[in-house]
N, C-alpha and C. Protein backbone atom coordinates (compact mmCIF):
# COMPACT_ATOMS: atom_id res chain seq x y z
N UNK A 1 5.47 -24.77 13.91
CA UNK A 1 3.88 -24.10 13.85
C UNK A 1 3.79 -22.66 14.05
N UNK A 2 2.77 -21.90 13.77
CA UNK A 2 2.69 -20.70 13.62
C UNK A 2 1.95 -20.19 14.48
N UNK A 3 1.75 -18.46 14.48
CA UNK A 3 1.25 -17.71 15.61
C UNK A 3 -0.50 -17.98 15.68
N UNK A 4 -1.17 -18.80 14.94
CA UNK A 4 -2.21 -18.61 14.82
C UNK A 4 -2.88 -19.80 15.25
N UNK A 5 -3.91 -20.03 16.26
CA UNK A 5 -4.28 -21.12 16.71
C UNK A 5 -5.48 -21.17 16.02
N UNK A 6 -6.65 -22.28 16.18
CA UNK A 6 -7.81 -22.46 15.16
C UNK A 6 -8.59 -21.37 15.33
N UNK A 7 -9.05 -21.08 16.61
CA UNK A 7 -9.74 -20.07 16.92
C UNK A 7 -9.36 -18.87 16.54
N UNK A 8 -8.13 -18.05 16.51
CA UNK A 8 -7.62 -17.24 15.97
C UNK A 8 -8.02 -17.20 14.27
N UNK A 9 -7.78 -18.44 13.61
CA UNK A 9 -8.04 -18.17 12.37
C UNK A 9 -9.58 -17.78 11.79
N UNK A 10 -10.55 -18.67 12.92
CA UNK A 10 -11.77 -18.37 12.56
C UNK A 10 -12.29 -16.96 13.04
N UNK A 11 -11.66 -16.51 13.92
CA UNK A 11 -12.12 -15.17 14.14
C UNK A 11 -11.47 -14.39 13.08
N UNK A 12 -10.72 -14.60 12.57
CA UNK A 12 -10.01 -13.46 11.51
C UNK A 12 -10.74 -13.89 10.36
N UNK A 13 -11.25 -14.94 9.97
CA UNK A 13 -11.97 -15.62 8.86
C UNK A 13 -13.57 -14.56 8.93
N UNK A 14 -13.82 -14.72 10.16
CA UNK A 14 -14.92 -13.98 10.33
C UNK A 14 -15.20 -12.61 10.34
N UNK A 15 -14.12 -11.91 10.56
CA UNK A 15 -14.34 -10.17 10.42
C UNK A 15 -13.57 -10.02 9.09
N UNK A 16 -13.85 -8.79 8.84
CA UNK A 16 -13.02 -8.29 7.58
C UNK A 16 -12.28 -6.90 7.62
N UNK A 17 -12.68 -6.55 8.76
CA UNK A 17 -12.28 -4.99 8.55
C UNK A 17 -11.20 -4.81 9.95
N UNK A 18 -10.53 -4.19 10.16
CA UNK A 18 -9.32 -4.14 11.07
C UNK A 18 -8.51 -2.57 11.28
N UNK A 19 -8.03 -2.50 12.16
CA UNK A 19 -7.01 -0.92 12.17
C UNK A 19 -5.74 -1.33 12.00
N UNK A 20 -5.00 -0.85 10.95
CA UNK A 20 -3.96 -0.94 10.37
C UNK A 20 -2.94 -0.14 11.14
N UNK A 21 -1.79 -0.58 12.03
CA UNK A 21 -1.06 0.17 12.69
C UNK A 21 0.31 0.32 11.99
N UNK A 22 1.08 1.21 11.67
CA UNK A 22 2.53 1.42 10.91
C UNK A 22 3.34 2.26 11.63
N UNK A 23 4.55 2.44 11.21
CA UNK A 23 5.38 3.32 11.50
C UNK A 23 5.55 4.31 10.72
N UNK A 24 5.31 5.77 11.06
CA UNK A 24 5.45 7.04 10.56
C UNK A 24 7.41 7.51 10.56
N UNK A 25 7.77 7.70 9.17
CA UNK A 25 9.14 8.33 10.05
C UNK A 25 10.01 8.69 11.28
N UNK A 26 9.05 9.67 11.93
CA UNK A 26 9.48 10.12 13.25
C UNK A 26 9.09 8.81 14.28
N UNK A 27 8.88 7.65 14.01
CA UNK A 27 8.65 6.81 14.58
C UNK A 27 7.40 6.33 15.34
N UNK A 28 6.39 7.51 15.29
CA UNK A 28 5.06 7.46 16.00
C UNK A 28 4.37 6.40 15.09
N UNK A 29 3.27 5.87 15.99
CA UNK A 29 2.14 5.22 15.34
C UNK A 29 1.34 6.10 14.17
N UNK A 30 1.02 5.01 13.00
CA UNK A 30 -0.01 5.62 12.07
C UNK A 30 -0.86 4.78 12.01
N UNK A 31 -2.27 4.87 11.77
CA UNK A 31 -3.17 3.98 11.98
C UNK A 31 -4.05 4.35 10.52
N UNK A 32 -4.72 3.16 10.53
CA UNK A 32 -5.83 3.51 9.23
C UNK A 32 -6.86 2.15 9.11
N UNK A 33 -7.98 2.37 8.89
CA UNK A 33 -9.01 1.25 8.93
C UNK A 33 -8.70 0.60 7.45
N UNK A 34 -8.80 -0.86 7.66
CA UNK A 34 -8.45 -1.22 6.12
C UNK A 34 -9.26 -2.63 6.15
N UNK A 35 -9.94 -3.24 5.00
CA UNK A 35 -10.36 -4.61 4.67
C UNK A 35 -9.04 -5.50 4.82
N UNK A 36 -9.18 -6.91 5.20
CA UNK A 36 -8.00 -7.47 4.97
C UNK A 36 -8.62 -9.04 4.43
N UNK A 37 -8.08 -9.84 4.37
CA UNK A 37 -8.14 -11.14 3.76
C UNK A 37 -6.83 -12.30 4.70
N UNK A 38 -7.25 -13.22 4.95
CA UNK A 38 -6.35 -14.16 5.75
C UNK A 38 -5.77 -14.99 4.70
N UNK A 39 -4.35 -15.21 4.61
CA UNK A 39 -4.12 -16.24 3.56
C UNK A 39 -3.15 -17.37 4.51
N UNK A 40 -3.60 -18.39 5.33
CA UNK A 40 -2.56 -19.01 5.86
C UNK A 40 -2.02 -18.06 7.09
N UNK A 41 -0.79 -17.91 7.50
CA UNK A 41 -0.49 -16.95 8.57
C UNK A 41 0.15 -15.64 8.10
N UNK A 42 -0.80 -15.28 7.16
CA UNK A 42 -0.54 -13.46 6.48
C UNK A 42 -1.62 -13.04 6.29
N UNK A 43 -1.61 -11.83 6.54
CA UNK A 43 -2.58 -10.97 6.48
C UNK A 43 -2.64 -9.83 4.89
N UNK A 44 -3.54 -10.02 4.54
CA UNK A 44 -3.48 -9.09 3.00
C UNK A 44 -4.30 -7.90 2.84
N UNK A 45 -4.22 -6.95 2.61
CA UNK A 45 -4.77 -5.72 2.38
C UNK A 45 -4.19 -5.15 1.12
N UNK A 46 -5.40 -4.49 0.37
CA UNK A 46 -5.04 -3.86 -1.01
C UNK A 46 -5.20 -2.62 -0.49
N UNK A 47 -4.33 -1.69 -1.26
CA UNK A 47 -4.18 -0.36 -1.18
C UNK A 47 -3.19 0.29 -2.45
N UNK A 48 -3.33 1.71 -2.08
CA UNK A 48 -2.66 2.38 -3.02
C UNK A 48 -1.17 2.38 -2.91
N UNK A 49 -0.37 2.51 -3.85
CA UNK A 49 1.13 2.21 -4.02
C UNK A 49 1.53 3.59 -3.15
N UNK A 50 0.94 4.67 -3.16
CA UNK A 50 1.79 5.95 -2.63
C UNK A 50 0.81 6.44 -1.55
N UNK A 51 0.20 5.51 -1.14
CA UNK A 51 -0.37 5.90 0.65
C UNK A 51 0.77 5.97 1.57
N UNK A 52 0.53 6.55 2.40
CA UNK A 52 1.36 6.52 3.61
C UNK A 52 1.47 5.14 4.35
N UNK A 53 0.49 4.14 4.63
CA UNK A 53 0.90 2.75 4.89
C UNK A 53 1.46 2.17 3.99
N UNK A 54 1.69 2.38 2.79
CA UNK A 54 2.66 1.60 1.69
C UNK A 54 4.08 2.31 1.90
N UNK A 55 4.23 3.60 2.06
CA UNK A 55 5.15 3.81 2.14
C UNK A 55 6.05 3.72 3.73
N UNK A 56 5.26 3.72 4.46
CA UNK A 56 5.62 3.10 6.08
C UNK A 56 6.22 1.75 5.92
N UNK A 57 5.39 0.80 5.30
CA UNK A 57 6.00 -0.69 5.30
C UNK A 57 7.15 -0.72 4.60
N UNK A 58 7.30 -0.03 3.29
CA UNK A 58 8.59 -0.28 2.40
C UNK A 58 9.47 0.36 3.67
N UNK A 59 9.58 1.18 4.00
CA UNK A 59 10.63 1.88 4.82
C UNK A 59 10.82 0.97 6.17
N UNK A 60 9.90 0.91 6.77
CA UNK A 60 10.13 0.24 8.34
C UNK A 60 10.05 -1.48 8.13
N UNK A 61 9.32 -2.09 7.78
CA UNK A 61 9.21 -3.77 7.19
C UNK A 61 8.45 -4.34 8.37
N UNK A 62 7.50 -3.44 8.88
CA UNK A 62 6.87 -3.97 10.01
C UNK A 62 5.14 -3.41 10.08
N UNK A 63 4.57 -4.04 10.17
CA UNK A 63 2.75 -3.54 10.49
C UNK A 63 2.27 -4.05 11.33
N UNK A 64 1.26 -4.04 12.08
CA UNK A 64 0.12 -4.56 13.05
C UNK A 64 -1.36 -4.48 12.60
N UNK A 65 -2.43 -5.45 12.70
CA UNK A 65 -3.64 -5.56 12.54
C UNK A 65 -4.43 -5.38 13.88
N UNK A 66 -4.94 -4.84 14.00
CA UNK A 66 -5.74 -4.97 15.31
C UNK A 66 -7.32 -5.28 14.99
N UNK A 67 -7.96 -6.31 15.23
CA UNK A 67 -9.22 -6.89 14.61
C UNK A 67 -10.01 -7.01 15.47
N UNK A 68 -11.17 -6.30 15.32
CA UNK A 68 -12.80 -6.51 16.45
C UNK A 68 -13.72 -7.06 16.32
N UNK A 69 -14.61 -7.75 16.79
CA UNK A 69 -15.62 -8.38 16.87
C UNK A 69 -16.90 -7.27 16.83
N UNK A 70 -17.89 -7.30 16.31
CA UNK A 70 -19.02 -6.20 16.37
C UNK A 70 -20.03 -6.60 16.92
N UNK A 71 -19.98 -7.77 18.16
CA UNK A 71 -20.97 -8.18 18.94
C UNK A 71 -20.44 -8.30 20.40
N UNK A 72 -21.08 -7.90 21.35
CA UNK A 72 -20.49 -8.30 22.66
C UNK A 72 -20.28 -9.35 22.96
N UNK A 73 -19.09 -9.88 23.42
CA UNK A 73 -18.48 -9.05 24.39
C UNK A 73 -17.30 -8.49 23.70
N UNK A 74 -17.10 -7.86 22.42
CA UNK A 74 -16.52 -7.43 21.50
C UNK A 74 -15.05 -8.03 21.67
N UNK A 75 -14.89 -9.26 20.94
CA UNK A 75 -13.92 -9.89 21.16
C UNK A 75 -12.67 -9.13 19.91
N UNK A 76 -11.40 -9.15 20.80
CA UNK A 76 -10.27 -8.46 19.74
C UNK A 76 -8.92 -9.24 19.99
N UNK A 77 -8.08 -8.90 18.93
CA UNK A 77 -6.67 -9.38 19.04
C UNK A 77 -5.99 -8.66 18.13
N UNK A 78 -4.60 -8.27 18.48
CA UNK A 78 -3.79 -7.92 17.51
C UNK A 78 -2.56 -8.41 16.87
N UNK A 79 -2.52 -8.29 15.55
CA UNK A 79 -1.46 -9.58 14.83
C UNK A 79 -0.56 -8.48 14.46
N UNK A 80 0.65 -8.94 14.45
CA UNK A 80 1.71 -8.00 14.42
C UNK A 80 3.10 -9.12 13.69
N UNK A 81 3.68 -8.54 12.61
CA UNK A 81 4.76 -8.73 12.15
C UNK A 81 5.32 -8.36 11.13
N UNK A 82 6.68 -8.87 10.60
CA UNK A 82 7.30 -8.43 9.19
C UNK A 82 6.10 -8.15 8.45
N UNK A 83 6.44 -6.73 7.70
CA UNK A 83 5.32 -6.69 6.24
C UNK A 83 6.30 -6.09 5.29
N UNK A 84 5.64 -6.38 4.07
CA UNK A 84 5.97 -5.64 2.71
C UNK A 84 5.17 -5.74 1.83
N UNK A 85 5.53 -4.96 1.09
CA UNK A 85 4.43 -4.37 -0.26
C UNK A 85 4.77 -4.89 -1.56
N UNK A 86 4.02 -6.12 -1.59
CA UNK A 86 4.09 -6.94 -3.00
C UNK A 86 3.25 -6.38 -4.24
N UNK A 87 3.94 -6.73 -5.29
CA UNK A 87 3.57 -5.88 -6.47
C UNK A 87 3.44 -7.36 -7.63
N UNK A 88 4.10 -8.34 -7.45
CA UNK A 88 4.44 -9.25 -8.66
C UNK A 88 3.38 -10.74 -8.01
N UNK A 89 2.65 -11.44 -9.12
CA UNK A 89 1.33 -12.46 -8.35
C UNK A 89 0.28 -12.02 -7.50
N UNK A 90 0.02 -10.79 -7.81
CA UNK A 90 -1.10 -10.18 -6.56
C UNK A 90 -2.14 -10.15 -6.91
N UNK A 91 -2.79 -10.94 -8.30
CA UNK A 91 -3.90 -10.85 -8.76
C UNK A 91 -5.08 -11.59 -7.96
N UNK A 92 -4.71 -12.71 -7.33
CA UNK A 92 -5.70 -13.68 -7.02
C UNK A 92 -6.06 -13.18 -5.70
N UNK A 93 -5.11 -12.61 -4.81
CA UNK A 93 -5.02 -12.44 -3.25
C UNK A 93 -5.68 -11.20 -3.44
N UNK A 94 -5.35 -10.00 -4.57
CA UNK A 94 -6.23 -8.84 -4.57
C UNK A 94 -7.59 -9.05 -4.58
N UNK A 95 -7.80 -10.11 -5.35
CA UNK A 95 -9.60 -10.43 -5.69
C UNK A 95 -10.22 -11.20 -4.30
N UNK A 96 -9.22 -11.62 -3.71
CA UNK A 96 -9.88 -12.24 -2.41
C UNK A 96 -10.17 -11.13 -1.32
N UNK A 97 -9.00 -9.99 -1.42
CA UNK A 97 -9.74 -8.86 -0.60
C UNK A 97 -10.81 -8.24 -0.97
N UNK A 98 -10.98 -8.04 -2.52
CA UNK A 98 -12.04 -7.44 -2.80
C UNK A 98 -13.18 -8.46 -2.59
N UNK A 99 -12.81 -9.37 -2.85
CA UNK A 99 -14.36 -10.43 -2.53
C UNK A 99 -14.70 -10.01 -1.18
N UNK A 100 -13.86 -9.69 -0.10
CA UNK A 100 -14.45 -9.22 1.28
C UNK A 100 -14.74 -7.87 1.63
N UNK A 101 -14.19 -7.16 0.75
CA UNK A 101 -14.95 -5.68 0.85
C UNK A 101 -16.31 -5.91 0.11
N UNK A 102 -16.77 -6.13 -0.95
CA UNK A 102 -17.99 -6.40 -1.17
C UNK A 102 -18.89 -7.12 -0.98
N UNK A 103 -18.16 -8.22 -0.01
CA UNK A 103 -19.15 -9.27 0.62
C UNK A 103 -19.85 -10.23 -0.17
N UNK A 104 -18.90 -10.59 -1.42
CA UNK A 104 -19.79 -11.29 -2.29
C UNK A 104 -19.29 -12.61 -2.12
N UNK A 105 -20.19 -13.54 -3.07
CA UNK A 105 -20.20 -15.06 -2.47
C UNK A 105 -18.91 -15.50 -3.21
N UNK A 106 -18.57 -14.87 -4.31
CA UNK A 106 -17.40 -15.41 -5.09
C UNK A 106 -16.40 -14.13 -4.99
N UNK A 107 -15.07 -14.43 -5.26
CA UNK A 107 -13.96 -13.25 -5.77
C UNK A 107 -14.44 -12.65 -7.27
N UNK A 108 -13.95 -11.53 -7.48
CA UNK A 108 -14.24 -10.87 -9.01
C UNK A 108 -13.13 -11.58 -9.62
N UNK A 109 -13.15 -11.53 -10.95
CA UNK A 109 -11.97 -12.01 -11.62
C UNK A 109 -10.48 -11.45 -11.72
N UNK A 110 -9.58 -12.23 -10.88
CA UNK A 110 -8.50 -11.24 -10.75
C UNK A 110 -7.94 -10.70 -11.90
N UNK A 111 -7.24 -9.63 -11.69
CA UNK A 111 -6.79 -8.47 -12.50
C UNK A 111 -5.25 -8.95 -12.69
N UNK A 112 -4.58 -8.74 -13.82
CA UNK A 112 -3.04 -9.06 -14.02
C UNK A 112 -2.31 -8.26 -13.15
N UNK A 113 -0.99 -8.14 -12.48
CA UNK A 113 -0.27 -7.61 -12.53
C UNK A 113 0.06 -6.10 -12.90
N UNK A 114 -0.27 -6.04 -14.34
CA UNK A 114 -0.01 -4.62 -15.02
C UNK A 114 -1.28 -4.00 -14.86
N UNK A 115 -2.24 -4.68 -14.78
CA UNK A 115 -3.55 -3.76 -14.83
C UNK A 115 -3.54 -3.20 -13.49
N UNK A 116 -3.26 -3.83 -12.32
CA UNK A 116 -3.05 -3.38 -11.17
C UNK A 116 -2.59 -2.75 -10.93
N UNK A 117 -0.89 -2.52 -11.44
CA UNK A 117 0.01 -1.31 -11.74
C UNK A 117 -0.41 -0.21 -12.10
N UNK A 118 -1.34 -0.47 -12.96
CA UNK A 118 -1.70 1.10 -13.74
C UNK A 118 -2.59 1.76 -13.10
N UNK A 119 -3.39 1.07 -12.51
CA UNK A 119 -4.32 1.96 -11.36
C UNK A 119 -3.96 1.80 -9.99
N UNK A 120 -2.34 1.86 -10.02
CA UNK A 120 -1.72 2.13 -8.74
C UNK A 120 -1.87 1.11 -7.05
N UNK A 121 -2.24 -0.07 -7.60
CA UNK A 121 -2.74 -0.99 -6.47
C UNK A 121 -1.70 -1.91 -6.32
N UNK A 122 -1.32 -2.20 -4.93
CA UNK A 122 -0.40 -2.95 -4.32
C UNK A 122 -0.96 -3.97 -3.04
N UNK A 123 -0.47 -4.78 -2.63
CA UNK A 123 -1.08 -5.80 -1.94
C UNK A 123 0.26 -5.36 -0.62
N UNK A 124 -0.43 -5.24 0.79
CA UNK A 124 0.44 -5.06 1.87
C UNK A 124 0.15 -6.41 2.50
N UNK A 125 1.45 -6.66 3.02
CA UNK A 125 1.40 -8.16 3.36
C UNK A 125 1.99 -8.27 4.53
N UNK A 126 1.12 -9.03 5.70
CA UNK A 126 1.75 -8.78 7.25
C UNK A 126 1.85 -10.75 7.48
N UNK A 127 3.20 -10.88 7.78
CA UNK A 127 3.20 -12.48 8.43
C UNK A 127 3.13 -12.15 9.67
N UNK A 128 2.25 -12.87 10.13
CA UNK A 128 1.83 -12.74 11.71
C UNK A 128 2.88 -13.72 12.14
N UNK A 129 3.42 -12.79 13.32
CA UNK A 129 4.77 -13.48 14.07
C UNK A 129 4.20 -13.61 15.26
N UNK A 130 3.30 -12.36 15.71
CA UNK A 130 3.06 -12.14 17.31
C UNK A 130 1.42 -12.14 17.41
N UNK A 131 0.89 -12.31 18.24
CA UNK A 131 -0.46 -12.33 18.41
C UNK A 131 -0.73 -11.69 20.01
N UNK A 132 -1.17 -10.68 19.89
CA UNK A 132 -1.24 -9.94 21.47
C UNK A 132 -2.53 -9.32 21.75
N UNK A 133 -2.87 -9.14 23.17
CA UNK A 133 -4.16 -8.73 23.26
C UNK A 133 -5.46 -9.09 22.82
N UNK A 134 -5.54 -10.64 22.68
CA UNK A 134 -6.47 -11.33 22.03
C UNK A 134 -7.46 -11.86 23.48
N UNK A 135 -8.56 -10.83 23.39
CA UNK A 135 -9.55 -11.03 24.32
C UNK A 135 -10.79 -11.66 23.57
N UNK A 136 -11.46 -12.61 24.62
CA UNK A 136 -13.01 -12.98 24.25
C UNK A 136 -12.99 -13.26 23.07
N UNK A 137 -12.01 -14.28 22.65
CA UNK A 137 -11.95 -14.90 21.25
C UNK A 137 -12.61 -16.14 21.75
N UNK A 138 -13.80 -16.48 20.87
CA UNK A 138 -14.73 -17.76 21.27
C UNK A 138 -14.02 -19.12 20.86
N UNK A 139 -13.90 -20.10 21.47
CA UNK A 139 -13.30 -21.33 21.48
C UNK A 139 -14.53 -22.41 20.77
N UNK A 140 -13.87 -23.59 20.47
CA UNK A 140 -15.03 -24.25 19.96
C UNK A 140 -16.01 -25.08 20.84
N UNK A 141 -15.57 -24.96 22.34
CA UNK A 141 -16.10 -25.17 23.17
C UNK A 141 -17.73 -24.22 23.53
N UNK A 142 -17.27 -22.88 22.85
CA UNK A 142 -18.21 -22.01 23.29
C UNK A 142 -17.89 -21.06 24.72
N UNK A 143 -16.48 -21.33 24.98
CA UNK A 143 -16.15 -20.27 26.12
C UNK A 143 -15.07 -19.54 25.19
N UNK A 144 -14.92 -18.41 26.07
CA UNK A 144 -14.08 -17.36 25.64
C UNK A 144 -12.70 -17.54 26.02
N UNK A 145 -11.66 -17.25 25.08
CA UNK A 145 -10.18 -17.49 25.43
C UNK A 145 -9.62 -15.84 25.62
N UNK A 146 -8.72 -16.01 26.54
CA UNK A 146 -7.91 -14.60 26.70
C UNK A 146 -6.77 -15.14 26.59
N UNK A 147 -5.95 -14.29 25.52
CA UNK A 147 -4.26 -14.28 25.71
C UNK A 147 -3.54 -12.78 26.14
N UNK A 148 -2.55 -13.12 26.35
CA UNK A 148 -1.74 -11.55 26.40
C UNK A 148 -0.52 -11.49 25.75
C-alpha cells in the first residue's frame, strides 16, 4: 500500500501547482513553483533538462513537492521521495502535465521523445514515499484531516 490516502489523491488531483524542493550541491534546499500531475503514487512535472531542479534531481535523486489549496482553511501537504529525470516514453505524461498547465478539458496530442528532446524537455518524477505536514485535507465526511 502506498503513502496516499484517497483524500490525499483527491487533494492532489484538485490542485495543479506546488513548490518543488530539491537539494543544491551544497546541501541547501532550492525551491521553485511547478505545475504537476499525479500518476498513481508518482508526481510528474515537465521541465527543461538544464534547469537547476533537473540537475539537482540527477545528482541527489530526491525531491519534495508542497501543495497548497487556495481557499480557507488553506489545506496543504508535502510529498517527498526518490526522484529522477525521465527521457523515455514521456510523451503521454508530459501531455497530461501540459493539460493541467492550460486547464484544458483534454490533453494535447503527445509529442514523441525525440520531439521533446529537441526542445530540451524532460519529465521530473517523484515517487511518493512520505507525506508530511498534511493539514486541513478534506475527508469524504466533510471533516478536515491533519497528519504530521
